[in-house]
Amino acid sequence: MAPYRGEFSDVVPHLTVGDRRLADLDTLRAAEADVTPALPVATTVREALLVAGSDAPSSWRTVARLPLGAEPDLGTATTL
């Protein structure tokens, strides 16, 4: 099964390391400088986490762990 049921032709995995709503520009530039030399990251991903929260501090929580690498089986998602 294609990601997003094939709705998008090019799905690029990503990792967010900063958010301009939560940090000033100097902090974001420092994070960029720290991360850039280690890119690109090469790894194997075995699961994805579904997280949910709000703008409130410390509100984000893992809702489910979703195993990857096989056809989806809705019974294999672990709800936390």
PDB file of N, CA and C in Angstrom:
ATOM      1  N   MET A   1       0.842  -1.166   0.000  1.00  0.00           N
ATOM      2  CA  MET A   1       0.000   0.000   0.000  1.00  0.00           C
ATOM      3  C   MET A   1       0.895   1.238   0.000  1.00  0.00           C
ATOM      4  N   ALA A   2       0.640   2.167  -0.882  1.00  0.00           N
ATOM      5  CA  ALA A   2       1.416   3.399  -0.975  1.00  0.00           C
ATOM      6  C   ALA A   2       1.072   4.323   0.195  1.00  0.00           C
ATOM      7  N   PRO A   3       2.064   5.083   0.666  1.00  0.00           N
ATOM      8  CA  PRO A   3       1.774   6.052   1.734  1.00  0.00           C
ATOM      9  C   PRO A   3       0.650   6.998   1.323  1.00  0.00           C
ATOM     10  N   TYR A   4      -0.193   7.332   2.251  1.00  0.00           N
ATOM     11  CA  TYR A   4      -1.315   8.258   2.024  1.00  0.00           C
ATOM     12  C   TYR A   4      -2.203   7.784   0.877  1.00  0.00           C
ATOM     13  N   ARG A   5      -2.266   6.433   0.722  1.00  0.00           N
ATOM     14  CA  ARG A   5      -3.086   5.798  -0.329  1.00  0.00           C
ATOM     15  C   ARG A   5      -2.761   6.330  -1.718  1.00  0.00           C
ATOM     16  N   GLY A   6      -1.493   6.720  -1.938  1.00  0.00           N
ATOM     17  CA  GLY A   6      -1.046   7.174  -3.244  1.00  0.00           C
ATOM     18  C   GLY A   6      -1.454   8.586  -3.608  1.00  0.00           C
ATOM     19  N   GLU A   7      -2.027   9.329  -2.660  1.00  0.00           N
ATOM     20  CA  GLU A   7      -2.494  10.685  -2.955  1.00  0.00           C
ATOM     21  C   GLU A   7      -1.348  11.618  -3.346  1.00  0.00           C
ATOM     22  N   PHE A   8      -0.159  11.373  -2.804  1.00  0.00           N
ATOM     23  CA  PHE A   8       0.994  12.220  -3.098  1.00  0.00           C
ATOM     24  C   PHE A   8       2.047  11.391  -3.825  1.00  0.00           C
ATOM     25  N   SER A   9       2.617  11.944  -4.901  1.00  0.00           N
ATOM     26  CA  SER A   9       3.583  11.184  -5.687  1.00  0.00           C
ATOM     27  C   SER A   9       4.963  11.132  -5.042  1.00  0.00           C
ATOM     28  N   ASP A  10       5.292  12.100  -4.193  1.00  0.00           N
ATOM     29  CA  ASP A  10       6.625  12.163  -3.593  1.00  0.00           C
ATOM     30  C   ASP A  10       6.486  12.409  -2.095  1.00  0.00           C
ATOM     31  N   VAL A  11       6.695  11.360  -1.295  1.00  0.00           N
ATOM     32  CA  VAL A  11       6.619  11.474   0.157  1.00  0.00           C
ATOM     33  C   VAL A  11       8.040  11.439   0.691  1.00  0.00           C
ATOM     34  N   VAL A  12       8.456  12.485   1.379  1.00  0.00           N
ATOM     35  CA  VAL A  12       9.815  12.598   1.885  1.00  0.00           C
ATOM     36  C   VAL A  12       9.779  12.551   3.416  1.00  0.00           C
ATOM     37  N   PRO A  13      10.421  11.534   4.001  1.00  0.00           N
ATOM     38  CA  PRO A  13      10.484  11.500   5.465  1.00  0.00           C
ATOM     39  C   PRO A  13      11.204  12.741   5.989  1.00  0.00           C
ATOM     40  N   HIS A  14      10.789  13.206   7.140  1.00  0.00           N
ATOM     41  CA  HIS A  14      11.413  14.411   7.696  1.00  0.00           C
ATOM     42  C   HIS A  14      11.421  14.353   9.216  1.00  0.00           C
ATOM     43  N   LEU A  15      12.232  15.202   9.790  1.00  0.00           N
ATOM     44  CA  LEU A  15      12.332  15.344  11.232  1.00  0.00           C
ATOM     45  C   LEU A  15      12.348  16.832  11.536  1.00  0.00           C
ATOM     46  N   THR A  16      11.456  17.271  12.371  1.00  0.00           N
ATOM     47  CA  THR A  16      11.416  18.678  12.768  1.00  0.00           C
ATOM     48  C   THR A  16      12.346  18.874  13.952  1.00  0.00           C
ATOM     49  N   VAL A  17      13.281  19.807  13.843  1.00  0.00           N
ATOM     50  CA  VAL A  17      14.212  20.079  14.947  1.00  0.00           C
ATOM     51  C   VAL A  17      14.006  21.458  15.554  1.00  0.00           C
ATOM     52  N   GLY A  18      13.091  22.228  15.002  1.00  0.00           N
ATOM     53  CA  GLY A  18      12.803  23.546  15.553  1.00  0.00           C
ATOM     54  C   GLY A  18      11.483  24.063  15.040  1.00  0.00           C
ATOM     55  N   ASP A  19      10.912  24.974  15.781  1.00  0.00           N
ATOM     56  CA  ASP A  19       9.624  25.563  15.420  1.00  0.00           C
ATOM     57  C   ASP A  19       9.694  27.056  15.722  1.00  0.00           C
ATOM     58  N   ARG A  20       9.502  27.858  14.706  1.00  0.00           N
ATOM     59  CA  ARG A  20       9.654  29.312  14.881  1.00  0.00           C
ATOM     60  C   ARG A  20       8.644  29.904  15.856  1.00  0.00           C
ATOM     61  N   ARG A  21       7.573  29.157  16.154  1.00  0.00           N
ATOM     62  CA  ARG A  21       6.618  29.638  17.153  1.00  0.00           C
ATOM     63  C   ARG A  21       7.136  29.420  18.569  1.00  0.00           C
ATOM     64  N   LEU A  22       8.139  28.545  18.713  1.00  0.00           N
ATOM     65  CA  LEU A  22       8.599  28.159  20.045  1.00  0.00           C
ATOM     66  C   LEU A  22      10.029  28.584  20.364  1.00  0.00           C
ATOM     67  N   ALA A  23      10.738  29.144  19.382  1.00  0.00           N
ATOM     68  CA  ALA A  23      12.131  29.532  19.612  1.00  0.00           C
ATOM     69  C   ALA A  23      12.455  30.784  18.812  1.00  0.00           C
ATOM     70  N   ASP A  24      13.435  31.525  19.304  1.00  0.00           N
ATOM     71  CA  ASP A  24      13.845  32.730  18.572  1.00  0.00           C
ATOM     72  C   ASP A  24      14.775  32.336  17.423  1.00  0.00           C
ATOM     73  N   LEU A  25      14.989  33.252  16.508  1.00  0.00           N
ATOM     74  CA  LEU A  25      15.767  32.984  15.298  1.00  0.00           C
ATOM     75  C   LEU A  25      17.191  32.537  15.613  1.00  0.00           C
ATOM     76  N   ASP A  26      17.844  33.146  16.600  1.00  0.00           N
ATOM     77  CA  ASP A  26      19.212  32.746  16.942  1.00  0.00           C
ATOM     78  C   ASP A  26      19.266  31.298  17.424  1.00  0.00           C
ATOM     79  N   THR A  27      18.284  30.874  18.203  1.00  0.00           N
ATOM     80  CA  THR A  27      18.236  29.499  18.688  1.00  0.00           C
ATOM     81  C   THR A  27      18.017  28.534  17.536  1.00  0.00           C
ATOM     82  N   LEU A  28      17.132  28.892  16.612  1.00  0.00           N
ATOM     83  CA  LEU A  28      16.877  28.032  15.457  1.00  0.00           C
ATOM     84  C   LEU A  28      18.108  27.927  14.566  1.00  0.00           C
ATOM     85  N   ARG A  29      18.808  29.024  14.370  1.00  0.00           N
ATOM     86  CA  ARG A  29      20.040  28.987  13.553  1.00  0.00           C
ATOM     87  C   ARG A  29      21.118  28.145  14.229  1.00  0.00           C
ATOM     88  N   ALA A  30      21.210  28.218  15.548  1.00  0.00           N
ATOM     89  CA  ALA A  30      22.175  27.394  16.273  1.00  0.00           C
ATOM     90  C   ALA A  30      21.823  25.915  16.127  1.00  0.00           C
ATOM     91  N   ALA A  31      20.534  25.585  16.191  1.00  0.00           N
ATOM     92  CA  ALA A  31      20.109  24.193  15.998  1.00  0.00           C
ATOM     93  C   ALA A  31      20.457  23.722  14.593  1.00  0.00           C
ATOM     94  N   GLU A  32      20.230  24.578  13.609  1.00  0.00           N
ATOM     95  CA  GLU A  32      20.578  24.236  12.231  1.00  0.00           C
ATOM     96  C   GLU A  32      22.073  23.965  12.098  1.00  0.00           C
ATOM     97  N   ALA A  33      22.882  24.806  12.712  1.00  0.00           N
ATOM     98  CA  ALA A  33      24.335  24.638  12.639  1.00  0.00           C
ATOM     99  C   ALA A  33      24.778  23.335  13.309  1.00  0.00           C
ATOM    100  N   ASP A  34      24.105  22.944  14.383  1.00  0.00           N
ATOM    101  CA  ASP A  34      24.449  21.697  15.069  1.00  0.00           C
ATOM    102  C   ASP A  34      24.059  20.471  14.262  1.00  0.00           C
ATOM    103  N   VAL A  35      22.905  20.530  13.602  1.00  0.00           N
ATOM    104  CA  VAL A  35      22.356  19.363  12.914  1.00  0.00           C
ATOM    105  C   VAL A  35      22.936  19.173  11.515  1.00  0.00           C
ATOM    106  N   THR A  36      23.167  20.247  10.793  1.00  0.00           N
ATOM    107  CA  THR A  36      23.559  20.181   9.382  1.00  0.00           C
ATOM    108  C   THR A  36      24.766  19.276   9.111  1.00  0.00           C
ATOM    109  N   PRO A  37      25.836  19.328   9.917  1.00  0.00           N
ATOM    110  CA  PRO A  37      26.985  18.459   9.606  1.00  0.00           C
ATOM    111  C   PRO A  37      26.673  16.964   9.673  1.00  0.00           C
ATOM    112  N   ALA A  38      25.622  16.575  10.376  1.00  0.00           N
ATOM    113  CA  ALA A  38      25.276  15.154  10.518  1.00  0.00           C
ATOM    114  C   ALA A  38      24.301  14.677   9.450  1.00  0.00           C
ATOM    115  N   LEU A  39      23.954  15.540   8.507  1.00  0.00           N
ATOM    116  CA  LEU A  39      22.992  15.173   7.465  1.00  0.00           C
ATOM    117  C   LEU A  39      23.705  14.683   6.218  1.00  0.00           C
ATOM    118  N   PRO A  40      23.102  13.818   5.432  1.00  0.00           N
ATOM    119  CA  PRO A  40      21.813  13.183   5.683  1.00  0.00           C
ATOM    120  C   PRO A  40      21.945  12.063   6.698  1.00  0.00           C
ATOM    121  N   VAL A  41      20.865  11.728   7.349  1.00  0.00           N
ATOM    122  CA  VAL A  41      20.818  10.631   8.304  1.00  0.00           C
ATOM    123  C   VAL A  41      20.467   9.356   7.547  1.00  0.00           C
ATOM    124  N   ALA A  42      21.229   8.320   7.760  1.00  0.00           N
ATOM    125  CA  ALA A  42      20.931   7.018   7.156  1.00  0.00           C
ATOM    126  C   ALA A  42      20.584   6.059   8.279  1.00  0.00           C
ATOM    127  N   THR A  43      19.386   5.512   8.233  1.00  0.00           N
ATOM    128  CA  THR A  43      18.949   4.602   9.287  1.00  0.00           C
ATOM    129  C   THR A  43      17.822   3.725   8.773  1.00  0.00           C
ATOM    130  N   THR A  44      17.458   2.757   9.554  1.00  0.00           N
ATOM    131  CA  THR A  44      16.298   1.927   9.266  1.00  0.00           C
ATOM    132  C   THR A  44      15.201   2.312  10.246  1.00  0.00           C
ATOM    133  N   VAL A  45      14.027   2.576   9.722  1.00  0.00           N
ATOM    134  CA  VAL A  45      12.892   2.948  10.562  1.00  0.00           C
ATOM    135  C   VAL A  45      11.980   1.745  10.648  1.00  0.00           C
ATOM    136  N   ARG A  46      11.695   1.318  11.858  1.00  0.00           N
ATOM    137  CA  ARG A  46      10.858   0.140  12.062  1.00  0.00           C
ATOM    138  C   ARG A  46       9.462   0.480  12.578  1.00  0.00           C
ATOM    139  N   GLU A  47       9.287   1.703  13.072  1.00  0.00           N
ATOM    140  CA  GLU A  47       7.975   2.109  13.542  1.00  0.00           C
ATOM    141  C   GLU A  47       7.838   3.622  13.446  1.00  0.00           C
ATOM    142  N   ALA A  48       6.612   4.069  13.404  1.00  0.00           N
ATOM    143  CA  ALA A  48       6.301   5.495  13.452  1.00  0.00           C
ATOM    144  C   ALA A  48       5.477   5.728  14.702  1.00  0.00           C
ATOM    145  N   LEU A  49       5.627   6.912  15.267  1.00  0.00           N
ATOM    146  CA  LEU A  49       4.838   7.271  16.431  1.00  0.00           C
ATOM    147  C   LEU A  49       3.792   8.289  16.027  1.00  0.00           C
ATOM    148  N   LEU A  50       2.581   8.081  16.463  1.00  0.00           N
ATOM    149  CA  LEU A  50       1.522   9.067  16.299  1.00  0.00           C
ATOM    150  C   LEU A  50       1.486   9.853  17.596  1.00  0.00           C
ATOM    151  N   VAL A  51       1.750  11.161  17.490  1.00  0.00           N
ATOM    152  CA  VAL A  51       1.766  12.007  18.676  1.00  0.00           C
ATOM    153  C   VAL A  51       0.697  13.083  18.546  1.00  0.00           C
ATOM    154  N   ALA A  52       0.192  13.516  19.676  1.00  0.00           N
ATOM    155  CA  ALA A  52      -0.841  14.551  19.680  1.00  0.00           C
ATOM    156  C   ALA A  52      -0.600  15.450  20.882  1.00  0.00           C
ATOM    157  N   GLY A  53      -0.968  16.710  20.709  1.00  0.00           N
ATOM    158  CA  GLY A  53      -0.820  17.669  21.791  1.00  0.00           C
ATOM    159  C   GLY A  53      -1.362  19.012  21.363  1.00  0.00           C
ATOM    160  N   SER A  54      -0.991  20.016  22.109  1.00  0.00           N
ATOM    161  CA  SER A  54      -1.458  21.369  21.832  1.00  0.00           C
ATOM    162  C   SER A  54      -0.284  22.328  21.989  1.00  0.00           C
ATOM    163  N   ASP A  55      -0.567  23.610  21.992  1.00  0.00           N
ATOM    164  CA  ASP A  55       0.484  24.609  22.212  1.00  0.00           C
ATOM    165  C   ASP A  55       0.912  24.687  23.670  1.00  0.00           C
ATOM    166  N   ALA A  56       0.194  24.025  24.546  1.00  0.00           N
ATOM    167  CA  ALA A  56       0.534  24.054  25.970  1.00  0.00           C
ATOM    168  C   ALA A  56       1.852  23.322  26.212  1.00  0.00           C
ATOM    169  N   PRO A  57       2.699  23.855  27.082  1.00  0.00           N
ATOM    170  CA  PRO A  57       3.969  23.192  27.382  1.00  0.00           C
ATOM    171  C   PRO A  57       3.751  21.762  27.880  1.00  0.00           C
ATOM    172  N   SER A  58       4.593  20.870  27.398  1.00  0.00           N
ATOM    173  CA  SER A  58       4.590  19.461  27.814  1.00  0.00           C
ATOM    174  C   SER A  58       3.279  18.734  27.538  1.00  0.00           C
ATOM    175  N   SER A  59       2.505  19.196  26.558  1.00  0.00           N
ATOM    176  CA  SER A  59       1.214  18.554  26.284  1.00  0.00           C
ATOM    177  C   SER A  59       1.322  17.392  25.296  1.00  0.00           C
ATOM    178  N   TRP A  60       2.431  17.266  24.571  1.00  0.00           N
ATOM    179  CA  TRP A  60       2.536  16.243  23.526  1.00  0.00           C
ATOM    180  C   TRP A  60       2.761  14.878  24.144  1.00  0.00           C
ATOM    181  N   ARG A  61       1.987  13.892  23.657  1.00  0.00           N
ATOM    182  CA  ARG A  61       2.051  12.519  24.139  1.00  0.00           C
ATOM    183  C   ARG A  61       2.009  11.560  22.956  1.00  0.00           C
ATOM    184  N   THR A  62       2.649  10.410  23.103  1.00  0.00           N
ATOM    185  CA  THR A  62       2.547   9.359  22.100  1.00  0.00           C
ATOM    186  C   THR A  62       1.181   8.700  22.237  1.00  0.00           C
ATOM    187  N   VAL A  63       0.432   8.684  21.140  1.00  0.00           N
ATOM    188  CA  VAL A  63      -0.909   8.108  21.124  1.00  0.00           C
ATOM    189  C   VAL A  63      -0.851   6.657  20.654  1.00  0.00           C
ATOM    190  N   ALA A  64       0.020   6.378  19.670  1.00  0.00           N
ATOM    191  CA  ALA A  64       0.126   5.011  19.140  1.00  0.00           C
ATOM    192  C   ALA A  64       1.499   4.793  18.543  1.00  0.00           C
ATOM    193  N   ARG A  65       1.955   3.552  18.583  1.00  0.00           N
ATOM    194  CA  ARG A  65       3.177   3.119  17.900  1.00  0.00           C
ATOM    195  C   ARG A  65       2.727   2.298  16.704  1.00  0.00           C
ATOM    196  N   LEU A  66       3.224   2.649  15.526  1.00  0.00           N
ATOM    197  CA  LEU A  66       2.778   2.017  14.286  1.00  0.00           C
ATOM    198  C   LEU A  66       3.951   1.284  13.632  1.00  0.00           C
ATOM    199  N   PRO A  67       3.944  -0.043  13.633  1.00  0.00           N
ATOM    200  CA  PRO A  67       5.040  -0.801  13.013  1.00  0.00           C
ATOM    201  C   PRO A  67       5.061  -0.580  11.501  1.00  0.00           C
ATOM    202  N   LEU A  68       6.260  -0.541  10.933  1.00  0.00           N
ATOM    203  CA  LEU A  68       6.437  -0.322   9.493  1.00  0.00           C
ATOM    204  C   LEU A  68       7.100  -1.532   8.866  1.00  0.00           C
ATOM    205  N   GLY A  69       7.033  -1.597   7.542  1.00  0.00           N
ATOM    206  CA  GLY A  69       7.772  -2.612   6.818  1.00  0.00           C
ATOM    207  C   GLY A  69       6.924  -3.735   6.275  1.00  0.00           C
ATOM    208  N   ALA A  70       5.660  -3.757   6.586  1.00  0.00           N
ATOM    209  CA  ALA A  70       4.779  -4.795   6.078  1.00  0.00           C
ATOM    210  C   ALA A  70       3.445  -4.146   5.734  1.00  0.00           C
ATOM    211  N   GLU A  71       2.603  -4.906   5.064  1.00  0.00           N
ATOM    212  CA  GLU A  71       1.259  -4.391   4.780  1.00  0.00           C
ATOM    213  C   GLU A  71       0.603  -4.023   6.099  1.00  0.00           C
ATOM    214  N   PRO A  72      -0.100  -2.909   6.130  1.00  0.00           N
ATOM    215  CA  PRO A  72      -0.701  -2.482   7.399  1.00  0.00           C
ATOM    216  C   PRO A  72      -1.723  -3.496   7.922  1.00  0.00           C
ATOM    217  N   ASP A  73      -1.649  -3.729   9.202  1.00  0.00           N
ATOM    218  CA  ASP A  73      -2.609  -4.568   9.903  1.00  0.00           C
ATOM    219  C   ASP A  73      -3.090  -3.725  11.077  1.00  0.00           C
ATOM    220  N   LEU A  74      -4.286  -3.224  10.975  1.00  0.00           N
ATOM    221  CA  LEU A  74      -4.788  -2.311  12.002  1.00  0.00           C
ATOM    222  C   LEU A  74      -4.735  -2.926  13.387  1.00  0.00           C
ATOM    223  N   GLY A  75      -4.683  -4.225  13.471  1.00  0.00           N
ATOM    224  CA  GLY A  75      -4.597  -4.877  14.767  1.00  0.00           C
ATOM    225  C   GLY A  75      -3.222  -4.807  15.396  1.00  0.00           C
ATOM    226  N   THR A  76      -2.180  -4.375  14.644  1.00  0.00           N
ATOM    227  CA  THR A  76      -0.831  -4.337  15.179  1.00  0.00           C
ATOM    228  C   THR A  76      -0.457  -2.993  15.771  1.00  0.00           C
ATOM    229  N   ALA A  77      -1.259  -1.968  15.562  1.00  0.00           N
ATOM    230  CA  ALA A  77      -0.952  -0.671  16.152  1.00  0.00           C
ATOM    231  C   ALA A  77      -1.131  -0.780  17.662  1.00  0.00           C
ATOM    232  N   THR A  78      -0.168  -0.245  18.384  1.00  0.00           N
ATOM    233  CA  THR A  78      -0.239  -0.259  19.835  1.00  0.00           C
ATOM    234  C   THR A  78      -0.727   1.082  20.314  1.00  0.00           C
ATOM    235  N   THR A  79      -1.909   1.094  20.909  1.00  0.00           N
ATOM    236  CA  THR A  79      -2.443   2.331  21.456  1.00  0.00           C
ATOM    237  C   THR A  79      -1.932   2.488  22.862  1.00  0.00           C
ATOM    238  N   LEU A  80      -1.418   3.673  23.168  1.00  0.00           N
ATOM    239  CA  LEU A  80      -0.866   3.933  24.499  1.00  0.00           C
ATOM    240  C   LEU A  80      -1.817   4.733  25.337  1.00  0.00           C
TER     241      LEU A  80
END
